[in-house]
Amino acid sequence: MSPLLKVENGSFAYRGGPQILDNINFEVNAGEILAVLGPNGAGKTTLLRCMMDMLRWDSGRSLLDGEDIHSMPARKLWSRMAYVPQAKSAASSYTAFQTVLLGRSSRIGTFSSPSAEDMEKAEAVMRQLGILDLADKQCYAVSGGELQMVLIARAMASEPEILVLDEPESNLDFRNQLVVLDTISILAADGVACVFNTHYPAHALQRAHRSLILNKGGGCISGSTPEIVTEDNIRRAFGVNAVIGEIETAESVLKNVMPLSIAETRQGGPEPGAPSEAAGLTGHEAANADAAGRNDEGCIASVSIIMKDNATADKVNSLLHEYNHLLIGRMGLPHRGRGLYIINITLDGAGSEIGALSHRLSLIPGISVKTTYAGE
């Protein structure tokens, strides 16, 4: 089955300027989240705009269900895709509710007025994001963070198959960052493909199925998030020594990224931020080489999963079926008094595969999951 969204050999430079994007390739399937990372000036926003044909690729193309986006009628494209730009100061005299209602325009006939269903959808997404109290405020009178939430609600109101967000956490406090990230996770669990730029590698590790890191000079590496968001790749792209660790909470184990120091430039070697070079490999090959060295001699692990509803259990069971070759034991226990379902599984296999399964389980909303590895 072909991916929902695919970029093939995309390259772009502003007229008279240096190469911004060079031979970019990636894909996103329905229900997946792609995080786009990179240093300032690497072209993250430009990548999104080229991907959506707001800027024309110099070479290469973007495909939606195998069809070149550049040849698609605008109304057809925007009935399937929604875009949330970075929030700027707004001069609009529209109220927040009217702005969110504009998200329904691709579903309203040219000479038609919004229906009761359209009104209800706009109100529902504002309630979901916790901004219904802004409904009657004019957009020029709200803060940058509040405007960001209104723009996200407008995009959600269109019920897109693909949601594209340019730094959605910008200008938001901790609570609203979590609201946005949780919303992206819920939308993906419902089958929406989500693509977002971020300055936070931890957000990619905690939320994204796939990640793409842009390097200054136009190159990129892309693939599954555990393969791509590594300490080595962070150092190469950002010029920063960082450590990726785990924070254990009462419910789960979360990946976090802590920058430690500015990486020194190697004498005679590439500048920090240059494309990956590991054992003569570049790009995605190097990312895979980094991942392949992690506990792939085989290990034993136990995974505990707690969930609340049958729909979530179906998603977990489907995912476990993909990794059935790792299973050496499984026990399921419904706790009807609490309305919970508990699964404990024991795995034997490559550490990278066990890590990939743990990561994918952690991206399913509404479950608690912890993985424990046996000592050597």
Protein backbone atom coordinates (compact mmCIF):
# COMPACT_ATOMS: atom_id res chain seq x y z
CA MET A 1 0.00 0.00 0.00
CA SER A 2 1.41 3.39 -0.98
CA PRO A 3 1.94 6.02 1.74
CA LEU A 4 -0.65 8.76 2.18
CA LEU A 5 1.93 11.54 1.76
CA LYS A 6 5.32 11.19 0.09
CA VAL A 7 8.09 13.57 -0.94
CA GLU A 8 10.43 12.36 -3.69
CA ASN A 9 13.82 13.97 -4.37
CA GLY A 10 12.68 17.44 -3.29
CA SER A 11 15.18 20.29 -3.76
CA PHE A 12 14.69 24.02 -3.29
CA ALA A 13 16.64 27.28 -3.18
CA TYR A 14 15.34 30.84 -3.01
CA ARG A 15 16.23 32.83 -6.12
CA GLY A 16 19.88 33.86 -5.99
CA GLY A 17 20.39 32.13 -2.65
CA PRO A 18 22.14 28.98 -1.46
CA GLN A 19 20.58 25.53 -1.57
CA ILE A 20 18.06 25.22 1.27
CA LEU A 21 16.73 21.70 0.65
CA ASP A 22 18.64 19.06 -1.29
CA ASN A 23 17.21 15.71 -2.40
CA ILE A 24 14.65 15.37 0.40
CA ASN A 25 12.84 12.03 0.65
CA PHE A 26 10.31 10.90 3.25
CA GLU A 27 6.82 9.47 3.63
CA VAL A 28 3.96 9.50 6.13
CA ASN A 29 1.16 6.97 6.42
CA ALA A 30 -2.34 7.49 7.73
CA GLY A 31 -2.29 7.50 11.52
CA GLU A 32 1.40 8.37 11.76
CA ILE A 33 3.11 11.41 13.26
CA LEU A 34 6.24 12.84 11.59
CA ALA A 35 8.41 15.28 13.56
CA VAL A 36 10.70 17.61 11.59
CA LEU A 37 13.76 18.85 13.49
CA GLY A 38 16.83 20.88 12.65
CA PRO A 39 18.86 23.93 13.66
CA ASN A 40 17.62 27.46 13.02
CA GLY A 41 17.92 28.32 9.35
CA ALA A 42 17.96 24.70 8.17
CA GLY A 43 14.70 25.17 6.26
CA LYS A 44 12.05 23.46 8.39
CA THR A 45 9.26 25.90 7.49
CA THR A 46 10.42 26.00 3.87
CA LEU A 47 10.18 22.20 3.79
CA LEU A 48 6.55 22.28 4.93
CA ARG A 49 5.66 24.97 2.41
CA CYS A 50 7.30 23.07 -0.46
CA MET A 51 5.63 19.85 0.67
CA MET A 52 2.22 21.54 0.41
CA ASP A 53 3.04 23.32 -2.90
CA MET A 54 2.93 26.77 -1.29
CA LEU A 55 6.45 26.99 -2.68
CA ARG A 56 7.29 25.06 -5.86
CA TRP A 57 10.02 22.47 -5.64
CA ASP A 58 12.95 23.29 -7.98
CA SER A 59 13.06 19.55 -8.58
CA GLY A 60 11.23 16.61 -7.10
CA ARG A 61 7.59 16.38 -6.11
CA SER A 62 5.04 15.83 -3.33
CA LEU A 63 2.49 13.05 -3.71
CA LEU A 64 -0.88 12.64 -1.99
CA ASP A 65 -2.13 9.08 -2.45
CA GLY A 66 0.23 8.83 -5.43
CA GLU A 67 -1.08 12.03 -7.11
CA ASP A 68 1.25 14.99 -7.65
CA ILE A 69 0.03 17.74 -5.31
CA HIS A 70 1.09 20.43 -7.81
CA SER A 71 -1.48 19.17 -10.32
CA MET A 72 -4.34 18.89 -7.81
CA PRO A 73 -7.13 21.53 -7.73
CA ALA A 74 -6.72 23.68 -4.63
CA ARG A 75 -10.17 22.85 -3.28
CA LYS A 76 -9.47 19.12 -3.57
CA LEU A 77 -6.11 19.48 -1.81
CA TRP A 78 -7.39 21.61 1.07
CA SER A 79 -10.40 19.37 1.62
CA ARG A 80 -7.88 16.70 2.61
CA MET A 81 -5.05 18.73 4.16
CA ALA A 82 -4.97 21.50 6.78
CA TYR A 83 -2.10 23.80 7.73
CA VAL A 84 -1.37 25.60 11.00
CA PRO A 85 1.23 28.35 10.44
CA GLN A 86 3.25 29.93 13.21
CA ALA A 87 1.02 32.39 15.06
CA LYS A 88 1.84 36.02 14.34
CA SER A 89 0.11 39.12 15.61
CA ALA A 90 -3.36 39.21 14.06
CA ALA A 91 -5.01 42.25 12.54
CA SER A 92 -8.21 40.30 11.91
CA SER A 93 -11.45 41.63 13.36
CA TYR A 94 -12.96 38.13 13.18
CA THR A 95 -13.80 36.57 16.50
CA ALA A 96 -12.05 33.38 17.52
CA PHE A 97 -15.21 31.38 16.81
CA GLN A 98 -15.59 32.92 13.34
CA THR A 99 -11.94 32.10 12.62
CA VAL A 100 -12.40 28.47 13.66
CA LEU A 101 -15.58 28.29 11.57
CA LEU A 102 -13.50 29.31 8.52
CA GLY A 103 -11.93 25.87 8.81
CA ARG A 104 -15.22 24.45 7.53
CA SER A 105 -15.01 26.47 4.28
CA SER A 106 -13.65 23.54 2.24
CA ARG A 107 -16.81 21.59 3.19
CA ILE A 108 -19.31 24.40 2.51
CA GLY A 109 -20.65 25.09 -0.99
CA THR A 110 -19.60 28.30 -2.71
CA PHE A 111 -22.97 30.00 -2.19
CA SER A 112 -23.94 28.19 1.02
CA SER A 113 -23.92 29.31 4.63
CA PRO A 114 -22.49 27.32 7.55
CA SER A 115 -24.92 24.66 8.75
CA ALA A 116 -25.80 23.74 12.32
CA GLU A 117 -23.39 20.83 11.95
CA ASP A 118 -20.59 23.25 10.97
CA MET A 119 -21.34 25.40 14.01
CA GLU A 120 -21.34 22.37 16.28
CA LYS A 121 -18.01 21.13 14.89
CA ALA A 122 -16.35 24.52 15.43
CA GLU A 123 -17.64 24.64 19.00
CA ALA A 124 -16.57 21.04 19.65
CA VAL A 125 -12.94 21.56 18.64
CA MET A 126 -12.72 24.77 20.68
CA ARG A 127 -14.04 22.87 23.67
CA GLN A 128 -11.57 20.03 23.06
CA LEU A 129 -8.69 22.51 23.09
CA GLY A 130 -10.03 24.36 26.11
CA ILE A 131 -10.50 27.70 24.33
CA LEU A 132 -14.28 28.01 24.18
CA ASP A 133 -14.00 31.03 26.50
CA LEU A 134 -12.24 32.85 23.62
CA ALA A 135 -15.18 32.35 21.23
CA ASP A 136 -16.40 35.97 21.26
CA LYS A 137 -12.98 37.63 21.47
CA GLN A 138 -11.58 39.28 18.36
CA CYS A 139 -8.35 37.72 17.16
CA TYR A 140 -6.35 40.95 17.39
CA ALA A 141 -7.20 41.10 21.11
CA VAL A 142 -5.88 37.65 22.12
CA SER A 143 -2.33 36.70 23.06
CA GLY A 144 0.08 34.95 20.69
CA GLY A 145 -0.39 31.67 22.54
CA GLU A 146 -4.17 31.97 22.43
CA LEU A 147 -4.05 32.76 18.72
CA GLN A 148 -1.92 29.65 18.17
CA MET A 149 -4.64 27.54 19.78
CA VAL A 150 -7.33 29.23 17.65
CA LEU A 151 -5.38 28.43 14.46
CA ILE A 152 -5.02 24.80 15.52
CA ALA A 153 -8.77 24.65 16.18
CA ARG A 154 -9.45 26.13 12.72
CA ALA A 155 -7.37 23.39 11.10
CA MET A 156 -9.03 20.65 13.16
CA ALA A 157 -12.48 21.95 12.21
CA SER A 158 -11.80 21.03 8.59
CA GLU A 159 -11.47 17.35 9.60
CA PRO A 160 -8.35 16.81 7.47
CA GLU A 161 -6.69 13.55 6.52
CA ILE A 162 -3.31 15.29 6.91
CA LEU A 163 -2.62 17.98 9.53
CA VAL A 164 0.55 20.05 9.07
CA LEU A 165 1.72 22.25 11.96
CA ASP A 166 4.61 24.72 11.93
CA GLU A 167 6.09 24.81 15.46
CA PRO A 168 2.72 24.29 17.17
CA GLU A 169 4.25 24.52 20.67
CA SER A 170 5.62 28.04 20.04
CA ASN A 171 4.33 30.70 22.44
CA LEU A 172 2.49 28.11 24.51
CA ASP A 173 2.84 27.44 28.23
CA PHE A 174 3.47 23.92 29.53
CA ARG A 175 -0.22 23.09 29.87
CA ASN A 176 -1.18 24.14 26.36
CA GLN A 177 1.89 22.41 24.91
CA LEU A 178 0.54 19.20 26.41
CA VAL A 179 -2.97 19.95 25.13
CA VAL A 180 -1.61 20.34 21.59
CA LEU A 181 0.64 17.27 21.77
CA ASP A 182 -2.15 15.15 23.26
CA THR A 183 -4.50 16.36 20.50
CA ILE A 184 -1.98 15.40 17.81
CA SER A 185 -1.64 11.94 19.37
CA ILE A 186 -5.43 11.49 19.54
CA LEU A 187 -5.87 12.60 15.92
CA ALA A 188 -3.17 10.17 14.79
CA ALA A 189 -4.82 7.36 16.73
CA ASP A 190 -8.00 8.17 14.77
CA GLY A 191 -6.14 7.82 11.46
CA VAL A 192 -5.01 11.40 10.71
CA ALA A 193 -1.45 11.82 9.42
CA CYS A 194 0.26 14.63 11.34
CA VAL A 195 3.47 16.48 10.37
CA PHE A 196 4.95 19.06 12.73
CA ASN A 197 8.11 21.12 13.04
CA THR A 198 9.59 21.33 16.50
CA HIS A 199 12.59 22.65 18.41
CA TYR A 200 12.09 19.93 21.03
CA PRO A 201 13.74 16.54 20.27
CA ALA A 202 12.02 15.14 23.38
CA HIS A 203 8.63 15.87 21.82
CA ALA A 204 9.66 13.83 18.79
CA LEU A 205 10.80 10.93 20.98
CA GLN A 206 7.60 10.98 23.03
CA ARG A 207 5.07 11.49 20.22
CA ALA A 208 6.37 10.80 16.72
CA HIS A 209 6.40 7.51 14.83
CA ARG A 210 8.84 8.97 12.28
CA SER A 211 11.34 11.82 12.45
CA LEU A 212 13.32 13.85 9.94
CA ILE A 213 16.39 15.92 10.83
CA LEU A 214 17.42 18.68 8.44
CA ASN A 215 21.05 19.72 8.29
CA LYS A 216 22.22 23.15 7.17
CA GLY A 217 23.22 22.75 3.56
CA GLY A 218 20.05 20.95 2.58
CA GLY A 219 20.58 17.29 3.46
CA CYS A 220 18.44 15.24 5.80
CA ILE A 221 18.07 11.88 7.49
CA SER A 222 14.66 10.32 8.07
CA GLY A 223 13.16 7.13 9.40
CA SER A 224 11.65 5.72 12.56
CA THR A 225 12.10 8.07 15.51
CA PRO A 226 14.29 5.77 17.66
CA GLU A 227 16.69 5.38 14.71
CA ILE A 228 16.86 9.08 13.89
CA VAL A 229 16.70 10.98 17.20
CA THR A 230 19.94 9.73 18.69
CA GLU A 231 22.70 11.45 20.63
CA ASP A 232 25.08 11.18 17.64
CA ASN A 233 22.56 12.64 15.19
CA ILE A 234 21.69 15.49 17.58
CA ARG A 235 25.39 16.32 17.86
CA ARG A 236 25.89 16.24 14.11
CA ALA A 237 22.84 18.33 13.27
CA PHE A 238 22.81 20.85 16.12
CA GLY A 239 26.48 20.93 17.13
CA VAL A 240 25.49 20.08 20.70
CA ASN A 241 26.51 17.25 22.98
CA ALA A 242 23.30 15.88 24.48
CA VAL A 243 22.24 12.88 26.50
CA ILE A 244 19.03 10.95 25.91
CA GLY A 245 17.71 9.50 29.15
CA GLU A 246 14.56 8.00 30.59
CA ILE A 247 12.27 9.51 33.20
CA GLU A 248 10.12 6.99 35.01
CA THR A 249 6.70 8.20 36.16
CA ALA A 250 3.98 6.31 37.99
CA GLU A 251 2.38 5.46 34.63
CA SER A 252 5.14 5.12 32.07
CA VAL A 253 8.75 5.68 31.06
CA LEU A 254 9.41 8.81 28.98
CA LYS A 255 12.40 9.67 26.84
CA ASN A 256 13.97 13.05 27.47
CA VAL A 257 16.84 14.98 25.86
CA MET A 258 19.21 17.18 27.86
CA PRO A 259 21.77 19.39 26.07
CA LEU A 260 25.11 19.33 27.89
CA SER A 261 27.61 21.42 25.94
CA ILE A 262 28.47 22.85 22.55
CA ALA A 263 30.26 20.21 20.51
CA GLU A 264 33.78 21.06 19.43
CA THR A 265 34.57 21.09 15.72
CA ARG A 266 36.82 18.17 14.82
CA GLN A 267 40.12 19.25 13.29
CA GLY A 268 39.89 18.67 9.56
CA GLY A 269 36.40 17.23 9.93
CA PRO A 270 32.93 18.54 9.17
CA GLU A 271 31.42 21.39 11.10
CA PRO A 272 28.84 20.51 13.72
CA GLY A 273 25.57 20.20 11.87
CA ALA A 274 27.12 18.61 8.81
CA PRO A 275 25.49 15.45 7.43
CA SER A 276 26.18 12.21 9.30
CA GLU A 277 29.36 10.28 8.61
CA ALA A 278 29.75 6.95 10.37
CA ALA A 279 32.01 4.25 9.01
CA GLY A 280 31.85 5.87 5.58
CA LEU A 281 28.05 5.98 5.57
CA THR A 282 25.89 9.06 5.25
CA GLY A 283 22.31 10.02 5.91
CA HIS A 284 19.84 7.27 6.73
CA GLU A 285 22.49 4.56 6.48
CA ALA A 286 24.42 6.20 9.32
CA ALA A 287 21.28 6.48 11.43
CA ASN A 288 20.62 2.79 10.93
CA ALA A 289 24.24 2.01 11.80
CA ASP A 290 23.86 3.96 15.05
CA ALA A 291 20.70 2.02 15.91
CA ALA A 292 22.10 -1.37 14.93
CA GLY A 293 24.74 -1.22 17.65
CA ARG A 294 22.22 -1.06 20.48
CA ASN A 295 21.88 -4.42 22.27
CA ASP A 296 21.30 -6.36 19.07
CA GLU A 297 23.02 -9.49 20.37
CA GLY A 298 19.65 -10.31 21.94
CA CYS A 299 18.07 -9.62 25.29
CA ILE A 300 15.12 -10.52 27.49
CA ALA A 301 12.52 -7.91 28.39
CA SER A 302 9.18 -7.72 30.15
CA VAL A 303 6.51 -5.21 29.07
CA SER A 304 3.57 -4.28 31.28
CA ILE A 305 0.59 -2.55 29.67
CA ILE A 306 -2.52 -1.12 31.35
CA MET A 307 -5.42 0.27 29.29
CA LYS A 308 -9.02 1.31 29.78
CA ASP A 309 -11.10 0.38 26.74
CA ASN A 310 -11.55 -2.34 24.13
CA ALA A 311 -10.68 -0.05 21.20
CA THR A 312 -7.27 0.60 22.74
CA ALA A 313 -6.84 -3.12 23.46
CA ASP A 314 -7.49 -3.87 19.78
CA LYS A 315 -4.72 -1.45 18.75
CA VAL A 316 -2.31 -2.97 21.26
CA ASN A 317 -3.12 -6.53 20.13
CA SER A 318 -2.65 -5.57 16.48
CA LEU A 319 0.76 -4.10 17.26
CA LEU A 320 1.82 -7.12 19.34
CA HIS A 321 0.85 -9.36 16.41
CA GLU A 322 3.46 -7.56 14.27
CA TYR A 323 6.12 -8.48 16.84
CA ASN A 324 4.84 -12.00 17.51
CA HIS A 325 8.27 -13.45 16.67
CA LEU A 326 9.66 -11.81 19.84
CA LEU A 327 6.99 -13.18 22.21
CA ILE A 328 7.92 -15.99 24.60
CA GLY A 329 5.07 -15.41 27.04
CA ARG A 330 1.89 -13.42 27.46
CA MET A 331 -0.73 -13.00 30.17
CA GLY A 332 -3.92 -10.91 29.93
CA LEU A 333 -6.02 -9.98 32.93
CA PRO A 334 -9.25 -7.93 32.81
CA HIS A 335 -9.98 -5.96 35.99
CA ARG A 336 -13.70 -5.38 35.50
CA GLY A 337 -14.18 -3.63 38.83
CA ARG A 338 -11.86 -0.85 37.67
CA GLY A 339 -12.69 -1.09 33.99
CA LEU A 340 -9.08 -1.90 33.16
CA TYR A 341 -7.33 -4.47 31.00
CA ILE A 342 -3.78 -5.54 31.88
CA ILE A 343 -1.32 -7.32 29.61
CA ASN A 344 2.12 -8.60 30.62
CA ILE A 345 4.38 -9.93 27.88
CA THR A 346 7.89 -11.38 27.87
CA LEU A 347 10.12 -10.82 24.87
CA ASP A 348 13.36 -12.32 23.59
CA GLY A 349 15.12 -10.67 20.66
CA ALA A 350 17.17 -7.80 19.33
CA GLY A 351 17.25 -4.80 21.61
CA SER A 352 16.45 -2.45 18.72
CA GLU A 353 13.28 -4.41 17.91
CA ILE A 354 12.17 -4.48 21.53
CA GLY A 355 12.89 -0.76 21.75
CA ALA A 356 10.87 -0.12 18.58
CA LEU A 357 7.90 -2.04 19.98
CA SER A 358 8.12 -0.17 23.29
CA HIS A 359 8.24 3.14 21.44
CA ARG A 360 5.22 2.34 19.27
CA LEU A 361 3.24 1.18 22.30
CA SER A 362 4.06 4.43 24.10
CA LEU A 363 2.52 6.42 21.22
CA ILE A 364 -0.94 4.87 21.70
CA PRO A 365 -3.05 7.35 23.68
CA GLY A 366 -4.69 6.16 26.87
CA ILE A 367 -2.32 3.40 27.95
CA SER A 368 0.39 3.03 30.57
CA VAL A 369 3.41 1.01 29.47
CA LYS A 370 6.75 0.12 31.01
CA THR A 371 9.56 -2.05 29.66
CA THR A 372 12.07 -3.75 31.94
CA TYR A 373 15.21 -5.44 30.60
CA ALA A 374 16.86 -8.43 32.24
CA GLY A 375 20.42 -8.01 33.45
CA GLU A 376 23.16 -9.43 31.28
